[in-house]
N, C-alpha and C. Protein backbone atom coordinates (compact mmCIF):
# COMPACT_ATOMS: atom_id res chain seq x y z
N UNK A 1 18.25 -0.44 -21.17
CA UNK A 1 17.02 -1.89 -21.00
C UNK A 1 17.03 -1.77 -19.58
N UNK A 2 18.12 -1.91 -18.75
CA UNK A 2 18.46 -2.00 -17.04
C UNK A 2 17.41 -0.70 -16.28
N UNK A 3 17.96 0.19 -17.09
CA UNK A 3 17.06 1.24 -16.31
C UNK A 3 15.48 1.44 -16.52
N UNK A 4 14.95 0.94 -17.94
CA UNK A 4 13.84 0.93 -17.75
C UNK A 4 12.77 -0.17 -17.08
N UNK A 5 13.94 -1.27 -17.06
CA UNK A 5 13.26 -2.14 -15.64
C UNK A 5 13.10 -1.94 -14.53
N UNK A 6 14.30 -0.78 -14.36
CA UNK A 6 14.14 -0.34 -12.87
C UNK A 6 12.97 0.63 -12.58
N UNK A 7 13.20 1.26 -13.26
CA UNK A 7 12.11 2.48 -13.58
C UNK A 7 10.76 1.96 -13.32
N UNK A 8 9.99 0.49 -13.66
CA UNK A 8 8.71 -0.13 -13.96
C UNK A 8 8.73 -0.81 -12.75
N UNK A 9 10.00 -1.41 -12.39
CA UNK A 9 9.74 -2.00 -11.24
C UNK A 9 9.67 -1.43 -9.74
N UNK A 10 10.07 0.13 -9.70
CA UNK A 10 10.01 0.89 -8.94
C UNK A 10 8.37 1.56 -8.42
N UNK A 11 8.07 2.03 -9.88
CA UNK A 11 6.34 2.21 -10.07
C UNK A 11 5.91 1.05 -9.72
N UNK A 12 6.25 -0.12 -9.84
CA UNK A 12 5.06 -1.03 -9.83
C UNK A 12 5.44 -1.63 -8.10
N UNK A 13 6.34 -1.39 -7.41
CA UNK A 13 6.64 -1.04 -5.91
C UNK A 13 5.88 -0.25 -5.37
N UNK A 14 5.49 0.91 -5.97
CA UNK A 14 5.27 1.99 -5.70
C UNK A 14 3.50 1.72 -5.30
N UNK A 15 2.65 1.23 -6.85
CA UNK A 15 1.33 1.23 -6.37
C UNK A 15 0.99 0.15 -5.83
N UNK A 16 2.18 -1.05 -5.65
CA UNK A 16 1.79 -2.21 -5.07
C UNK A 16 1.79 -1.81 -3.33
N UNK A 17 2.56 -1.35 -2.83
CA UNK A 17 3.09 -0.83 -1.09
C UNK A 17 1.63 0.23 -1.31
N UNK A 18 0.78 0.75 -2.28
CA UNK A 18 0.03 1.81 -1.82
C UNK A 18 -1.13 0.77 -1.61
N UNK A 19 -1.19 0.06 -2.60
CA UNK A 19 -2.55 -1.05 -2.22
C UNK A 19 -2.47 -1.52 -0.90
N UNK A 20 -1.59 -2.37 -0.29
CA UNK A 20 -1.18 -2.88 0.66
C UNK A 20 -1.85 -2.10 1.80
N UNK A 21 -1.12 -0.86 1.77
CA UNK A 21 -1.33 -0.04 3.14
C UNK A 21 -2.61 0.45 2.86
N UNK A 22 -3.24 0.62 1.92
CA UNK A 22 -5.29 1.47 2.17
C UNK A 22 -5.52 0.96 3.09
N UNK A 23 -6.41 1.93 3.20
CA UNK A 23 -7.49 1.24 4.11
C UNK A 23 -8.67 0.39 3.46
N UNK A 24 -9.10 -0.88 3.71
CA UNK A 24 -9.90 -1.05 3.15
C UNK A 24 -11.00 -0.92 2.44
N UNK A 25 -11.75 0.17 3.48
CA UNK A 25 -12.85 0.87 2.77
C UNK A 25 -12.69 2.23 1.92
N UNK A 26 -11.19 2.41 1.84
CA UNK A 26 -10.91 3.69 0.72
C UNK A 26 -10.99 3.23 -0.80
N UNK A 27 -10.25 1.87 -0.61
CA UNK A 27 -10.05 1.36 -1.53
C UNK A 27 -11.07 0.89 -2.55
N UNK A 28 -11.95 0.32 -1.52
CA UNK A 28 -13.02 -1.14 -1.97
C UNK A 28 -14.01 0.44 -2.33
N UNK A 29 -14.05 1.46 -1.98
CA UNK A 29 -15.18 2.19 -3.01
C UNK A 29 -14.86 2.87 -3.67
N UNK A 30 -13.32 3.31 -4.20
CA UNK A 30 -12.80 3.87 -5.33
C UNK A 30 -12.98 2.25 -6.12
N UNK A 31 -12.41 1.23 -5.74
CA UNK A 31 -12.72 -0.20 -6.87
C UNK A 31 -14.30 0.28 -7.34
N UNK A 32 -15.31 0.16 -6.26
CA UNK A 32 -16.49 0.06 -6.84
C UNK A 32 -16.80 0.70 -7.99
N UNK A 33 -16.14 2.13 -8.02
CA UNK A 33 -16.56 2.69 -9.20
C UNK A 33 -15.78 2.77 -10.56
N UNK A 34 -14.82 1.70 -10.70
CA UNK A 34 -14.27 1.46 -11.53
C UNK A 34 -15.14 0.59 -12.09
N UNK A 35 -15.59 0.45 -13.75
CA UNK A 35 -16.76 -0.49 -14.77
C UNK A 35 -15.90 -1.46 -15.54
N UNK A 36 -14.32 -1.11 -15.67
CA UNK A 36 -13.86 -1.88 -16.37
C UNK A 36 -13.31 -3.36 -16.10
N UNK A 37 -13.90 -4.13 -15.45
CA UNK A 37 -13.81 -5.39 -14.62
C UNK A 37 -13.09 -6.23 -15.58
N UNK A 38 -12.24 -6.98 -15.80
CA UNK A 38 -11.68 -7.39 -16.89
C UNK A 38 -12.03 -9.00 -16.03
N UNK A 39 -11.81 -10.03 -17.20
CA UNK A 39 -12.10 -11.44 -16.72
C UNK A 39 -10.52 -11.97 -16.56
N UNK A 40 -10.63 -12.98 -15.12
CA UNK A 40 -9.50 -13.55 -14.97
C UNK A 40 -9.61 -15.10 -14.17
N UNK A 41 -8.37 -15.68 -14.22
CA UNK A 41 -8.82 -16.76 -13.80
C UNK A 41 -7.79 -17.00 -12.29
N UNK A 42 -7.87 -17.33 -11.57
CA UNK A 42 -6.92 -17.52 -10.30
C UNK A 42 -6.29 -18.49 -10.40
N UNK A 43 -4.38 -17.79 -10.05
CA UNK A 43 -3.55 -18.90 -10.26
C UNK A 43 -3.13 -19.43 -8.84
N UNK A 44 -3.50 -18.27 -7.55
CA UNK A 44 -3.97 -18.25 -5.80
C UNK A 44 -4.55 -17.82 -5.70
N UNK A 45 -6.25 -18.67 -5.15
CA UNK A 45 -6.75 -17.78 -4.69
C UNK A 45 -6.66 -17.38 -3.32
N UNK A 46 -7.63 -15.85 -3.04
CA UNK A 46 -6.96 -15.31 -1.54
C UNK A 46 -7.42 -16.53 -0.48
N UNK A 47 -5.56 -16.45 0.49
CA UNK A 47 -5.63 -16.68 1.73
C UNK A 47 -5.08 -16.13 2.59
N UNK A 48 -5.30 -16.57 3.86
CA UNK A 48 -5.13 -15.77 4.79
C UNK A 48 -3.99 -16.30 5.31
N UNK A 49 -2.95 -15.66 6.00
CA UNK A 49 -1.31 -16.46 6.57
C UNK A 49 -0.89 -15.00 7.33
N UNK A 50 0.27 -15.43 7.81
CA UNK A 50 1.24 -14.62 8.35
C UNK A 50 2.87 -14.06 7.82
N UNK A 51 2.93 -13.32 8.60
CA UNK A 51 4.74 -12.89 8.12
C UNK A 51 5.05 -12.31 9.08
N UNK A 52 6.63 -12.43 9.32
CA UNK A 52 7.10 -11.91 10.50
C UNK A 52 7.68 -11.20 10.11
N UNK A 53 7.53 -9.84 11.08
CA UNK A 53 7.75 -8.25 10.59
C UNK A 53 9.16 -8.31 11.08
N UNK A 54 10.08 -7.06 10.81
CA UNK A 54 11.76 -7.35 10.93
C UNK A 54 11.99 -5.55 11.71
N UNK A 55 11.83 -5.45 12.22
CA UNK A 55 12.75 -4.31 12.34
C UNK A 55 14.27 -3.47 12.95
N UNK A 56 14.78 -2.78 12.83
CA UNK A 56 16.16 -2.17 13.23
C UNK A 56 16.27 -1.24 14.56
N UNK A 57 16.90 -1.87 15.11
CA UNK A 57 17.15 -0.84 16.17
C UNK A 57 17.37 0.60 15.65
N UNK A 58 16.82 2.11 15.85
CA UNK A 58 17.56 3.27 15.41
C UNK A 58 17.35 3.16 13.98
N UNK A 59 16.47 2.23 12.94
CA UNK A 59 16.76 2.49 11.43
C UNK A 59 17.81 1.77 10.67
N UNK A 60 18.94 1.55 11.60
CA UNK A 60 20.08 1.09 10.87
C UNK A 60 20.50 0.44 11.89
N UNK A 61 20.45 -0.19 13.24
CA UNK A 61 21.25 -1.54 13.81
C UNK A 61 20.54 -2.71 13.24
N UNK A 62 21.10 -3.46 14.25
CA UNK A 62 21.19 -4.91 13.81
C UNK A 62 19.23 -5.15 13.73
N UNK A 63 19.39 -6.09 12.75
CA UNK A 63 17.72 -6.44 12.82
C UNK A 63 17.20 -7.37 13.80
N UNK A 64 16.38 -7.35 14.23
CA UNK A 64 15.34 -8.22 15.26
C UNK A 64 13.65 -8.36 14.89
N UNK A 65 13.27 -9.68 15.08
CA UNK A 65 12.00 -9.76 14.89
C UNK A 65 10.96 -9.06 15.75
N UNK A 66 10.32 -8.37 15.14
CA UNK A 66 9.26 -7.08 15.88
C UNK A 66 7.98 -7.99 16.18
N UNK A 67 7.47 -8.54 15.13
CA UNK A 67 6.28 -9.66 15.62
C UNK A 67 5.59 -10.12 14.45
N UNK A 68 4.58 -10.62 14.44
CA UNK A 68 4.23 -11.52 13.56
C UNK A 68 2.58 -10.36 12.59
N UNK A 69 2.54 -10.88 11.89
CA UNK A 69 1.11 -9.75 11.08
C UNK A 69 0.46 -10.61 10.47
N UNK A 70 -0.49 -10.35 10.43
CA UNK A 70 -1.62 -11.12 9.46
C UNK A 70 -1.49 -10.19 7.86
N UNK A 71 -1.46 -11.30 6.91
CA UNK A 71 -1.65 -10.74 5.48
C UNK A 71 -2.88 -11.77 4.61
N UNK A 72 -3.08 -11.17 3.43
CA UNK A 72 -3.69 -11.97 2.55
C UNK A 72 -3.55 -11.64 1.22
N UNK A 73 -3.25 -12.96 0.69
CA UNK A 73 -2.28 -12.92 -0.56
C UNK A 73 -3.35 -13.54 -1.86
N UNK A 74 -2.92 -13.18 -2.88
CA UNK A 74 -3.86 -13.85 -4.14
C UNK A 74 -2.45 -13.61 -5.04
N UNK A 75 -2.56 -14.67 -6.24
CA UNK A 75 -2.37 -14.32 -7.74
C UNK A 75 -3.31 -14.87 -8.37
N UNK A 76 -3.80 -14.01 -9.83
CA UNK A 76 -4.61 -14.00 -10.74
C UNK A 76 -3.79 -13.64 -12.28
N UNK A 77 -4.45 -14.12 -13.18
CA UNK A 77 -4.34 -13.77 -14.59
C UNK A 77 -5.40 -13.81 -15.46
N UNK A 78 -5.20 -12.43 -16.37
CA UNK A 78 -6.13 -11.65 -16.98
C UNK A 78 -6.06 -12.52 -18.31
N UNK A 79 -7.31 -12.50 -19.22
CA UNK A 79 -7.38 -13.16 -19.84
C UNK A 79 -5.91 -13.02 -21.25
N UNK A 80 -5.77 -11.79 -21.09
CA UNK A 80 -4.70 -11.40 -22.23
C UNK A 80 -2.89 -11.84 -21.61
N UNK A 81 -2.99 -12.71 -20.54
CA UNK A 81 -1.60 -13.33 -20.15
C UNK A 81 -1.09 -12.50 -19.15
N UNK A 82 -1.55 -11.08 -18.64
CA UNK A 82 -1.36 -10.56 -17.64
C UNK A 82 -1.21 -10.93 -16.33
N UNK A 83 -0.19 -10.95 -15.43
CA UNK A 83 -0.23 -11.72 -14.12
C UNK A 83 -0.52 -10.35 -12.81
N UNK A 84 -1.39 -10.43 -11.94
CA UNK A 84 -1.10 -9.49 -11.18
C UNK A 84 -1.54 -10.22 -9.55
N UNK A 85 -0.90 -9.77 -8.60
CA UNK A 85 -0.63 -10.43 -7.15
C UNK A 85 -1.08 -9.07 -6.38
N UNK A 86 -1.63 -9.26 -4.88
CA UNK A 86 -2.47 -9.00 -4.12
C UNK A 86 -1.43 -9.17 -2.54
N UNK A 87 -0.82 -8.29 -2.28
CA UNK A 87 -0.68 -9.00 -1.19
C UNK A 87 -0.65 -7.72 0.47
N UNK A 88 -1.86 -8.29 1.18
CA UNK A 88 -2.44 -6.70 1.61
C UNK A 88 -2.17 -7.33 3.10
N UNK A 89 -2.58 -6.02 4.09
CA UNK A 89 -2.54 -5.99 5.51
C UNK A 89 -3.71 -6.36 6.24
N UNK A 90 -3.93 -7.26 6.75
CA UNK A 90 -5.74 -8.09 7.55
C UNK A 90 -5.75 -9.56 6.73
N UNK A 91 -6.99 -9.14 7.19
CA UNK A 91 -8.32 -10.90 6.54
C UNK A 91 -8.49 -10.75 5.70
N UNK A 92 -8.69 -9.57 4.48
CA UNK A 92 -9.46 -9.30 3.58
C UNK A 92 -9.64 -10.25 2.67
N UNK A 93 -9.96 -11.02 2.22
CA UNK A 93 -10.11 -11.43 0.47
C UNK A 93 -10.37 -10.44 -0.44
N UNK A 94 -11.53 -9.90 -0.26
CA UNK A 94 -11.96 -8.67 -1.61
C UNK A 94 -11.08 -8.16 -1.80
N UNK A 95 -10.31 -7.50 -0.59
CA UNK A 95 -9.16 -6.16 -0.43
C UNK A 95 -8.19 -7.13 -1.60
N UNK A 96 -7.79 -8.49 -1.16
CA UNK A 96 -6.59 -9.05 -1.86
C UNK A 96 -6.95 -9.41 -3.46
N UNK A 97 -8.15 -9.54 -3.77
CA UNK A 97 -8.45 -9.65 -4.76
C UNK A 97 -8.71 -8.38 -6.16
N UNK A 98 -9.25 -7.29 -5.22
CA UNK A 98 -8.73 -5.61 -6.21
C UNK A 98 -7.70 -5.71 -5.96
N UNK A 99 -6.91 -5.21 -5.05
CA UNK A 99 -5.41 -5.47 -5.41
C UNK A 99 -4.47 -6.37 -6.36
N UNK A 100 -5.07 -7.22 -6.59
CA UNK A 100 -4.47 -8.20 -7.45
C UNK A 100 -4.75 -7.89 -8.81
N UNK A 101 -6.10 -7.51 -9.19
CA UNK A 101 -6.77 -6.98 -10.42
C UNK A 101 -6.30 -5.55 -10.79
N UNK A 102 -5.53 -5.20 -9.76
CA UNK A 102 -5.55 -3.07 -10.18
C UNK A 102 -4.07 -3.50 -10.34
N UNK A 103 -3.50 -4.35 -10.13
CA UNK A 103 -1.67 -4.47 -10.01
C UNK A 103 -1.59 -4.91 -12.11
N UNK A 104 -2.93 -6.10 -11.77
CA UNK A 104 -2.62 -7.02 -13.29
C UNK A 104 -2.81 -5.39 -14.40
N UNK A 105 -4.01 -4.53 -14.03
CA UNK A 105 -4.72 -3.75 -15.01
C UNK A 105 -3.46 -2.92 -14.81
N UNK A 106 -2.75 -1.88 -14.21
CA UNK A 106 -1.35 -1.33 -14.20
C UNK A 106 -0.62 -1.97 -14.87
N UNK A 107 -0.76 -3.00 -15.52
CA UNK A 107 0.36 -3.07 -16.44
C UNK A 107 0.50 -3.58 -17.92
N UNK A 108 -1.15 -3.31 -17.96
CA UNK A 108 -1.68 -2.97 -19.51
C UNK A 108 -2.18 -1.85 -20.04
N UNK A 109 -2.62 -1.64 -21.36
CA UNK A 109 -2.91 -0.59 -21.58
C UNK A 109 -4.23 0.39 -20.71
N UNK A 110 -4.82 -0.42 -19.61
CA UNK A 110 -5.72 0.18 -18.58
C UNK A 110 -5.00 1.12 -17.67
N UNK A 111 -3.88 1.11 -17.89
CA UNK A 111 -2.97 1.97 -16.81
C UNK A 111 -3.53 3.30 -16.96
N UNK A 112 -3.68 3.62 -17.54
CA UNK A 112 -3.86 5.26 -16.96
C UNK A 112 -5.12 6.01 -16.38
N UNK A 113 -6.43 4.97 -17.02
CA UNK A 113 -7.40 5.15 -16.23
C UNK A 113 -7.91 3.92 -14.73
N UNK A 114 -7.08 3.06 -14.94
CA UNK A 114 -6.51 2.89 -13.11
C UNK A 114 -6.44 3.87 -12.03
N UNK A 115 -5.03 4.32 -12.77
CA UNK A 115 -4.11 5.43 -12.22
C UNK A 115 -5.45 6.77 -11.92
N UNK A 116 -5.96 7.18 -12.92
CA UNK A 116 -6.54 8.14 -12.26
C UNK A 116 -7.90 8.01 -11.89
N UNK A 117 -8.49 6.76 -11.32
CA UNK A 117 -9.75 6.57 -11.35
C UNK A 117 -9.36 5.93 -9.96
N UNK A 118 -7.88 5.39 -9.65
CA UNK A 118 -8.15 4.61 -8.04
C UNK A 118 -7.16 4.73 -7.67
N UNK A 119 -5.80 5.05 -8.03
CA UNK A 119 -4.57 4.95 -7.75
C UNK A 119 -4.12 6.51 -7.39
N UNK A 120 -4.40 7.54 -8.34
CA UNK A 120 -4.10 8.66 -7.47
C UNK A 120 -5.24 9.07 -6.74
N UNK A 121 -6.43 9.17 -6.40
CA UNK A 121 -7.46 9.41 -5.33
C UNK A 121 -6.92 8.66 -3.63
N UNK A 122 -6.57 7.58 -4.41
CA UNK A 122 -5.96 6.97 -2.75
C UNK A 122 -4.68 7.08 -2.39
N UNK A 123 -3.83 7.66 -3.10
CA UNK A 123 -2.22 8.48 -2.58
C UNK A 123 -3.20 9.53 -1.97
N UNK A 124 -4.24 10.33 -2.89
CA UNK A 124 -4.42 11.90 -1.94
C UNK A 124 -5.12 11.24 -0.46
N UNK A 125 -5.78 10.53 -0.48
CA UNK A 125 -6.71 9.98 0.64
C UNK A 125 -5.72 9.86 1.88
N UNK A 126 -5.08 8.88 1.60
CA UNK A 126 -3.95 8.38 2.43
C UNK A 126 -2.81 9.58 2.72
N UNK A 127 -2.27 10.61 1.67
CA UNK A 127 -1.20 11.52 2.35
C UNK A 127 -2.14 12.46 2.95
N UNK A 128 -3.28 12.85 2.72
CA UNK A 128 -4.27 14.02 3.54
C UNK A 128 -4.42 13.61 4.99
N UNK A 129 -4.89 12.25 5.28
CA UNK A 129 -4.81 11.12 6.06
C UNK A 129 -3.77 11.51 7.08
N UNK A 130 -2.64 11.13 6.38
CA UNK A 130 -1.07 11.70 7.07
C UNK A 130 -0.87 12.99 7.76
N UNK A 131 -1.16 13.90 6.81
CA UNK A 131 -1.21 15.54 6.93
C UNK A 131 -2.41 15.48 8.35
N UNK A 132 -3.49 15.10 8.33
CA UNK A 132 -4.35 15.41 9.57
C UNK A 132 -3.57 14.82 10.78
N UNK A 133 -3.09 13.49 10.48
CA UNK A 133 -2.45 13.09 12.24
C UNK A 133 -1.52 13.80 13.01
N UNK A 134 -0.73 14.25 11.39
CA UNK A 134 0.41 14.75 11.82
C UNK A 134 0.22 16.53 12.48
N UNK A 135 -0.86 17.36 11.58
CA UNK A 135 -1.44 17.88 12.40
C UNK A 135 -1.39 18.25 13.88
N UNK A 136 -2.60 16.78 14.39
CA UNK A 136 -3.21 16.35 15.75
C UNK A 136 -1.93 16.20 16.51
N UNK A 137 -0.84 15.56 16.37
CA UNK A 137 0.43 15.46 16.74
C UNK A 137 0.63 16.56 17.26
N UNK A 138 0.77 17.71 16.40
CA UNK A 138 1.49 18.87 16.25
C UNK A 138 1.20 19.59 17.68
N UNK A 139 -0.39 19.90 17.06
CA UNK A 139 -1.42 20.42 18.45
C UNK A 139 -0.76 19.73 19.99
N UNK A 140 -0.67 19.14 20.34
CA UNK A 140 -0.69 18.71 21.67
C UNK A 140 0.91 18.49 21.57
N UNK A 141 1.86 19.15 20.96
CA UNK A 141 3.55 19.56 21.29
C UNK A 141 3.36 20.17 22.38
N UNK A 142 4.45 20.14 23.52
CA UNK A 142 4.74 20.85 24.41
C UNK A 142 6.54 21.41 24.18
N UNK A 143 6.30 22.97 24.24
CA UNK A 143 7.26 23.19 24.42
C UNK A 143 8.35 23.81 26.08
N UNK A 144 9.74 22.78 26.02
CA UNK A 144 10.13 22.85 27.24
C UNK A 144 11.19 24.34 26.98
N UNK A 145 11.21 24.87 27.99
CA UNK A 145 12.34 25.53 27.81
C UNK A 145 13.17 26.01 29.74
N UNK A 146 14.20 26.53 29.78
CA UNK A 146 15.12 26.68 30.90
C UNK A 146 15.13 28.10 30.58
N UNK A 147 14.46 28.16 32.25
CA UNK A 147 14.49 29.76 32.67
C UNK A 147 16.13 30.02 33.29
N UNK A 148 16.99 31.66 32.68
CA UNK A 148 18.05 31.64 33.77
C UNK A 148 17.34 32.02 35.21
N UNK A 149 17.89 31.82 36.08
CA UNK A 149 18.03 32.48 37.60
C UNK A 149 18.70 33.01 38.15
N UNK A 150 19.43 33.98 37.31
CA UNK A 150 20.33 34.81 37.61
C UNK A 150 21.38 34.75 38.42
N UNK A 151 21.60 33.39 38.96
CA UNK A 151 22.67 32.96 39.83
C UNK A 151 23.89 33.01 38.95
N UNK A 152 25.02 33.32 39.40
CA UNK A 152 26.50 33.04 38.83
C UNK A 152 26.52 31.59 38.98
């Protein structure tokens, strides 16, 4: 039972992380095509705030405060009692609402449809963008080498 809970939590962390990082335009374009939007009530309407971003030197060193980042968060409940949370980068209340609705729907029987119409295409777009950025960076890579001068 604990393993199933861990797997479900990991899956939820995956889609919530994807929604949080997604460009607003890409997410909203895919979400606008989803036609089975449920009725809901707000538990916490979208609100803009800030969070402290922490980093680690070299990824493993002592933690330090890197700076603040603006986020928008909200929580809602569907008519069937499923709770969804949206926590996204930036100041977009519509994006936070969409993220919360998608989170709630991914916990219901509509999960397969939402995954096919929103989550998977969004993940593919973000992976393609990452690959394109890496290719552009690789194109500017400079190879340095040392020539042997023939001296002893």
